[in-house]
N, C-alpha and C. Protein backbone atom coordinates (compact mmCIF):
# COMPACT_ATOMS: atom_id res chain seq x y z
N ASP A 1 41.43 43.67 -14.97
CA ASP A 1 41.76 41.92 -15.01
C ASP A 1 42.66 41.86 -15.60
N HIS A 2 43.49 43.44 -17.08
CA HIS A 2 43.83 43.63 -17.17
C HIS A 2 45.33 44.41 -16.57
N PRO A 3 45.86 44.55 -15.94
CA PRO A 3 47.08 45.43 -15.63
C PRO A 3 47.73 46.09 -16.21
N GLU A 4 48.14 44.67 -17.37
CA GLU A 4 49.12 45.78 -18.23
C GLU A 4 47.88 45.88 -19.55
N VAL A 5 47.42 45.91 -19.71
CA VAL A 5 46.33 46.38 -20.81
C VAL A 5 45.83 48.16 -20.61
N ALA A 6 45.26 48.18 -19.10
CA ALA A 6 45.01 49.67 -18.31
C ALA A 6 45.78 49.99 -18.54
N PHE A 7 47.01 50.00 -18.31
CA PHE A 7 49.02 50.47 -18.64
C PHE A 7 48.37 51.08 -18.92
N GLU A 8 48.89 50.01 -20.54
CA GLU A 8 49.18 51.29 -21.70
C GLU A 8 47.77 51.48 -22.53
N PHE A 9 47.34 51.90 -21.88
CA PHE A 9 45.67 53.24 -22.13
C PHE A 9 46.34 53.52 -21.85
N ILE A 10 47.03 54.32 -20.78
CA ILE A 10 46.50 54.93 -19.61
C ILE A 10 48.09 55.92 -19.95
N GLN A 11 49.25 54.42 -20.08
CA GLN A 11 49.75 55.40 -21.33
C GLN A 11 49.21 56.18 -22.84
N MET A 12 48.88 55.73 -23.06
CA MET A 12 48.38 55.94 -24.07
C MET A 12 47.93 58.00 -24.01
N LEU A 13 46.86 57.35 -23.37
CA LEU A 13 46.02 59.43 -22.65
C LEU A 13 46.42 60.68 -22.39
N THR A 14 48.26 59.31 -22.05
CA THR A 14 48.49 60.66 -20.93
C THR A 14 50.14 61.67 -21.42
N ASN A 15 51.09 59.69 -22.61
CA ASN A 15 52.35 60.32 -23.11
C ASN A 15 52.11 59.96 -24.18
N ASP A 16 51.04 59.58 -25.01
CA ASP A 16 51.99 59.58 -26.52
C ASP A 16 51.19 60.21 -27.47
N GLU A 17 52.74 61.06 -27.33
CA GLU A 17 53.30 62.35 -28.30
C GLU A 17 52.52 62.26 -29.31
N GLU A 18 52.09 61.68 -30.05
CA GLU A 18 51.15 61.40 -31.55
C GLU A 18 49.50 61.39 -31.68
N PHE A 19 48.95 60.57 -30.44
CA PHE A 19 48.55 60.19 -29.87
C PHE A 19 47.71 61.79 -29.55
N LEU A 20 47.82 62.41 -28.83
CA LEU A 20 48.01 63.24 -28.07
C LEU A 20 47.11 64.74 -28.54
N THR A 21 48.44 64.66 -30.00
CA THR A 21 48.50 65.79 -31.02
C THR A 21 47.24 65.92 -32.55
N GLU A 22 47.23 64.62 -32.71
CA GLU A 22 46.01 63.74 -33.66
C GLU A 22 44.98 64.00 -32.54
N TRP A 23 44.59 63.76 -31.31
CA TRP A 23 43.53 64.20 -30.58
C TRP A 23 43.11 65.91 -30.83
N VAL A 24 43.94 66.71 -29.79
CA VAL A 24 44.12 67.92 -30.25
C VAL A 24 43.80 68.57 -31.44
N GLY A 25 44.18 67.83 -32.50
CA GLY A 25 43.28 68.45 -33.54
C GLY A 25 42.24 68.06 -34.11
N GLU A 26 41.73 67.13 -33.53
CA GLU A 26 40.18 66.71 -33.28
C GLU A 26 39.77 67.11 -32.89
N THR A 27 39.35 67.75 -31.47
CA THR A 27 38.77 68.45 -29.71
C THR A 27 38.73 69.22 -30.52
N GLY A 28 40.04 69.79 -29.94
CA GLY A 28 40.49 71.54 -29.95
C GLY A 28 40.74 71.57 -28.07
N ASP A 29 40.81 70.74 -27.39
CA ASP A 29 40.92 69.79 -26.53
C ASP A 29 42.28 71.27 -25.45
N VAL A 30 42.17 71.17 -24.73
CA VAL A 30 43.02 71.49 -24.32
C VAL A 30 43.79 70.46 -23.49
N LEU A 31 45.46 69.86 -22.99
CA LEU A 31 45.53 69.40 -22.48
C LEU A 31 46.74 69.42 -21.77
N SER A 32 47.15 68.47 -19.90
CA SER A 32 47.86 69.03 -19.19
C SER A 32 49.30 68.97 -19.53
N HIS A 33 49.84 68.34 -21.11
CA HIS A 33 50.43 68.26 -21.63
C HIS A 33 50.86 69.49 -22.68
N ILE A 34 52.15 69.40 -21.45
CA ILE A 34 52.43 71.23 -21.75
C ILE A 34 53.37 70.96 -23.51
N GLY A 35 53.82 70.20 -23.50
CA GLY A 35 55.05 70.10 -24.82
C GLY A 35 53.53 70.12 -26.65
N ILE A 36 52.83 69.41 -26.03
CA ILE A 36 52.10 68.94 -26.87
C ILE A 36 51.55 70.56 -27.19
N MET A 37 50.90 70.95 -26.90
CA MET A 37 50.68 72.80 -26.51
C MET A 37 51.28 73.95 -26.64
N GLU A 38 52.73 73.32 -26.52
CA GLU A 38 53.44 74.36 -27.14
C GLU A 38 53.76 74.49 -28.50
N GLU A 39 53.26 72.96 -29.05
CA GLU A 39 53.82 72.45 -30.46
C GLU A 39 52.30 73.12 -31.59
N VAL A 40 51.53 72.93 -30.80
CA VAL A 40 49.67 73.55 -31.35
C VAL A 40 50.01 74.24 -31.50
N SER A 41 51.01 75.25 -30.46
CA SER A 41 49.71 77.02 -30.49
C SER A 41 50.60 77.59 -31.27
N ASP A 42 51.60 77.35 -31.88
CA ASP A 42 51.96 78.22 -32.96
C ASP A 42 51.44 77.89 -34.28
N GLY A 43 50.22 79.29 -33.72
CA GLY A 43 50.11 79.68 -35.37
C GLY A 43 48.58 79.32 -35.32
N TYR A 44 48.52 78.25 -34.31
CA TYR A 44 46.57 78.18 -34.91
C TYR A 44 45.57 78.75 -34.49
N GLU A 45 44.49 78.13 -34.89
CA GLU A 45 43.39 78.79 -35.00
C GLU A 45 41.88 78.83 -35.46
N ASP A 46 41.02 78.72 -33.65
CA ASP A 46 39.93 77.52 -33.50
C ASP A 46 38.30 78.68 -34.51
N ASP A 47 38.25 77.46 -36.11
CA ASP A 47 36.82 78.40 -36.31
C ASP A 47 35.96 78.38 -35.67
N PHE A 48 35.65 77.49 -34.41
CA PHE A 48 34.60 77.91 -33.64
C PHE A 48 35.14 79.04 -32.81
N LEU A 49 36.00 79.17 -32.31
CA LEU A 49 35.86 80.16 -31.41
C LEU A 49 36.26 81.68 -32.85
N GLY A 50 36.40 81.89 -33.73
CA GLY A 50 36.50 82.71 -34.14
C GLY A 50 37.98 83.10 -35.31
N GLY A 51 38.85 81.79 -35.23
CA GLY A 51 40.49 81.92 -35.14
C GLY A 51 40.36 82.57 -34.06
N GLN A 52 40.49 81.98 -32.90
CA GLN A 52 41.00 82.52 -31.91
C GLN A 52 41.73 81.28 -31.61
N ASN A 53 43.37 81.79 -30.75
CA ASN A 53 44.25 80.73 -30.02
C ASN A 53 44.26 80.83 -28.53
N HIS A 54 43.20 79.78 -27.93
CA HIS A 54 42.89 79.41 -27.25
C HIS A 54 43.59 79.22 -26.47
N TYR A 55 44.18 78.67 -27.11
CA TYR A 55 46.79 76.84 -27.24
C TYR A 55 47.24 78.09 -25.50
N ASP A 56 47.44 79.85 -26.76
CA ASP A 56 48.17 80.65 -26.19
C ASP A 56 47.74 81.75 -25.15
N TYR A 57 46.56 81.09 -24.65
CA TYR A 57 45.84 82.04 -23.23
C TYR A 57 46.73 80.96 -22.30
N PHE A 58 45.56 79.48 -23.12
CA PHE A 58 46.17 78.53 -21.65
C PHE A 58 47.03 78.61 -20.85
N LEU A 59 48.30 78.74 -22.46
CA LEU A 59 50.15 78.58 -22.02
C LEU A 59 50.12 79.14 -20.70
N ALA A 60 50.08 80.68 -20.83
CA ALA A 60 50.03 81.33 -20.49
C ALA A 60 49.83 81.64 -18.74
N GLU A 61 48.23 81.07 -19.17
CA GLU A 61 47.91 80.55 -17.49
C GLU A 61 48.61 79.99 -16.99
N ALA A 62 49.21 78.58 -17.70
CA ALA A 62 49.05 77.54 -17.29
C ALA A 62 50.20 77.85 -16.63
N GLU A 63 51.02 78.57 -16.69
CA GLU A 63 53.01 79.47 -16.40
C GLU A 63 51.82 79.85 -14.72
N ASN A 64 51.64 79.99 -13.74
CA ASN A 64 50.68 80.97 -12.88
C ASN A 64 50.21 80.01 -11.59
N ILE A 65 49.78 78.19 -12.80
CA ILE A 65 49.88 77.46 -11.26
C ILE A 65 51.00 76.83 -10.29
N ASP A 66 49.75 77.46 -9.54
CA ASP A 66 50.42 76.52 -8.25
C ASP A 66 50.00 75.63 -7.62
N PRO A 67 51.81 74.27 -7.92
CA PRO A 67 50.55 73.10 -7.06
C PRO A 67 50.65 72.74 -5.72
N SER A 68 51.19 73.68 -5.69
CA SER A 68 50.28 73.59 -3.20
C SER A 68 49.52 74.23 -3.46
N HIS A 69 48.31 74.94 -4.21
CA HIS A 69 47.17 74.58 -3.38
C HIS A 69 46.46 72.81 -4.09
N ILE A 70 47.08 72.26 -4.91
CA ILE A 70 46.16 71.84 -5.18
C ILE A 70 45.73 70.39 -3.49
N THR A 71 44.71 70.15 -4.14
CA THR A 71 44.11 69.04 -2.43
C THR A 71 43.65 67.63 -2.98
N ARG A 72 43.33 66.45 -1.78
CA ARG A 72 43.30 66.25 -2.23
C ARG A 72 41.82 65.34 -2.78
N TYR A 73 41.53 66.62 -2.20
CA TYR A 73 39.62 66.93 -2.55
C TYR A 73 38.74 67.38 -3.96
N ASP A 74 40.21 68.36 -4.25
CA ASP A 74 39.94 68.57 -5.77
C ASP A 74 38.48 67.88 -6.67
N GLN A 75 39.78 66.51 -6.46
CA GLN A 75 38.49 65.26 -7.96
C GLN A 75 37.21 65.55 -7.66
N ARG A 76 37.05 65.19 -6.39
CA ARG A 76 35.77 64.60 -6.03
C ARG A 76 35.14 66.16 -5.73
N LEU A 77 35.89 67.45 -5.30
CA LEU A 77 34.56 68.63 -5.78
C LEU A 77 34.21 69.27 -6.97
N ASP A 78 35.51 69.01 -7.65
CA ASP A 78 34.89 69.07 -9.47
C ASP A 78 33.71 68.72 -10.18
N GLN A 79 34.21 67.23 -9.75
CA GLN A 79 32.30 66.79 -9.81
C GLN A 79 31.63 66.89 -9.61
N MET A 80 31.46 66.78 -7.64
CA MET A 80 30.44 67.16 -7.22
C MET A 80 29.65 68.55 -7.68
N PHE A 81 30.47 69.46 -8.27
CA PHE A 81 30.40 71.26 -8.54
C PHE A 81 29.97 70.68 -10.36
N GLY A 82 30.23 70.10 -10.84
CA GLY A 82 30.05 69.61 -12.40
C GLY A 82 28.22 69.14 -12.19
N SER A 83 28.42 68.57 -11.20
CA SER A 83 26.54 67.70 -11.27
C SER A 83 26.23 68.30 -11.13
N ALA A 84 26.10 69.02 -10.05
CA ALA A 84 25.72 70.70 -9.59
C ALA A 84 25.06 70.90 -10.64
N VAL A 85 26.66 71.48 -10.90
CA VAL A 85 26.46 73.13 -12.46
C VAL A 85 25.12 72.73 -13.85
N GLY A 86 24.99 70.37 -13.56
CA GLY A 86 25.13 70.35 -14.42
C GLY A 86 23.33 70.47 -14.63
N ALA A 87 22.66 69.91 -13.73
CA ALA A 87 21.64 70.21 -13.56
C ALA A 87 21.24 70.82 -13.69
N TYR A 88 21.92 72.43 -13.21
CA TYR A 88 21.14 73.96 -13.19
C TYR A 88 20.78 73.79 -15.55
N VAL A 89 22.22 73.42 -15.64
CA VAL A 89 22.05 73.70 -16.94
C VAL A 89 20.48 73.01 -17.87
N GLU A 90 21.33 72.28 -17.08
CA GLU A 90 19.34 71.46 -17.71
C GLU A 90 17.83 71.26 -17.38
N GLY A 91 18.12 72.75 -16.46
CA GLY A 91 17.33 73.13 -16.23
C GLY A 91 16.17 72.86 -14.66
N ASP A 92 16.49 71.83 -14.52
CA ASP A 92 16.21 70.77 -12.41
C ASP A 92 16.58 71.90 -11.76
N LEU A 93 17.61 72.18 -11.54
CA LEU A 93 17.59 73.14 -10.33
C LEU A 93 17.77 74.42 -10.56
N THR A 94 17.01 75.71 -9.68
CA THR A 94 18.10 76.48 -9.70
C THR A 94 19.34 76.99 -9.28
N GLN A 95 19.67 78.54 -9.36
CA GLN A 95 20.88 78.46 -9.57
C GLN A 95 21.29 77.83 -7.96
N GLU A 96 20.06 78.63 -7.19
CA GLU A 96 20.58 79.20 -5.78
C GLU A 96 20.17 77.26 -5.21
N GLU A 97 19.25 76.47 -5.58
CA GLU A 97 19.06 75.25 -5.74
C GLU A 97 19.91 74.59 -5.72
N ALA A 98 21.11 74.64 -6.92
CA ALA A 98 22.19 74.10 -7.32
C ALA A 98 23.77 74.20 -6.66
N LEU A 99 23.76 75.52 -5.43
CA LEU A 99 24.74 76.16 -5.43
C LEU A 99 24.04 75.04 -3.76
N GLU A 100 22.89 75.16 -2.83
CA GLU A 100 22.38 74.83 -2.08
C GLU A 100 23.06 73.49 -2.19
N GLU A 101 22.51 72.34 -3.25
CA GLU A 101 22.70 70.56 -3.11
C GLU A 101 24.57 70.62 -3.72
N PHE A 102 24.67 71.33 -3.97
CA PHE A 102 26.21 71.03 -3.65
C PHE A 102 27.39 71.66 -1.96
N TYR A 103 26.57 72.20 -1.55
CA TYR A 103 27.29 72.87 -0.11
C TYR A 103 27.16 71.70 0.25
N ALA A 104 25.18 70.33 0.64
CA ALA A 104 24.82 69.82 0.69
C ALA A 104 25.95 68.22 1.27
N GLU A 105 26.21 68.89 -0.34
CA GLU A 105 27.29 67.17 -0.33
C GLU A 105 28.08 67.60 -0.34
N VAL A 106 29.53 68.69 -0.94
CA VAL A 106 30.65 68.51 0.10
C VAL A 106 30.04 68.52 1.85
N GLN A 107 29.67 69.30 2.45
CA GLN A 107 30.03 68.67 3.33
C GLN A 107 29.92 67.88 3.97
N ASN A 108 28.41 66.91 3.48
CA ASN A 108 28.27 65.16 3.16
C ASN A 108 29.32 64.38 3.72
N ALA A 109 30.09 64.96 2.67
CA ALA A 109 31.44 63.84 2.02
C ALA A 109 32.66 64.61 2.34
N PHE A 110 32.55 65.60 3.15
CA PHE A 110 34.16 65.58 3.72
C PHE A 110 33.13 67.29 4.89
N PRO A 111 33.10 66.23 5.92
CA PRO A 111 32.35 67.00 6.93
C PRO A 111 33.28 68.46 7.79
N GLN A 112 34.92 68.22 7.60
CA GLN A 112 35.44 68.77 7.71
C GLN A 112 35.83 69.97 7.32
N ILE A 113 35.31 70.22 5.74
CA ILE A 113 35.32 71.44 4.54
C ILE A 113 34.19 72.30 5.69
N ASN A 114 34.75 73.62 6.20
CA ASN A 114 33.51 74.96 6.12
C ASN A 114 32.39 75.49 4.68
N VAL A 115 31.55 74.82 4.33
CA VAL A 115 31.04 75.61 3.51
C VAL A 115 29.20 76.75 3.64
N PRO A 116 29.07 77.61 3.17
CA PRO A 116 27.94 78.91 3.14
C PRO A 116 26.89 78.07 3.73
N GLN A 117 26.71 78.76 4.91
CA GLN A 117 25.27 78.24 4.92
C GLN A 117 24.58 79.69 5.17
N ASP A 118 23.48 79.02 5.43
CA ASP A 118 22.14 80.25 5.31
C ASP A 118 22.21 81.54 6.00
C-alpha cells in the first residue's frame, strides 16, 4: 500500500551506513556490505567468541565467493533447509527424518532438481 515507505525501509536495511554500523555493533552480525565489514573489522573483538574477530575470517572468505554459482533456487532452498534443521534442533525430527523431509520438500517444489534417493 505504501511503496515509497517500503523502498525507504529497504534502502535503510541495505545502504544506510550509519544504521548498518550501529547494527553490527549491537548484534555482531555479518553483513553483505563489504565496506561496513572492512570498517568494523579493524581491531574488532567479540566477547561471545572469546575475543575473536570473526569479521576478518568472513571478509577473507567473501573474496572467494563466485557469484556465478548463485541460482534462482538458493533462497527457497535455504528456507527449506533452515526449517528442517530447526525441526531437528527442536527434537521434532531425527537427523535422518529432517533430511528426508528436506529432500521431499525440494522434490515437490522443484521436480527438476535431483535429490538423493533411498
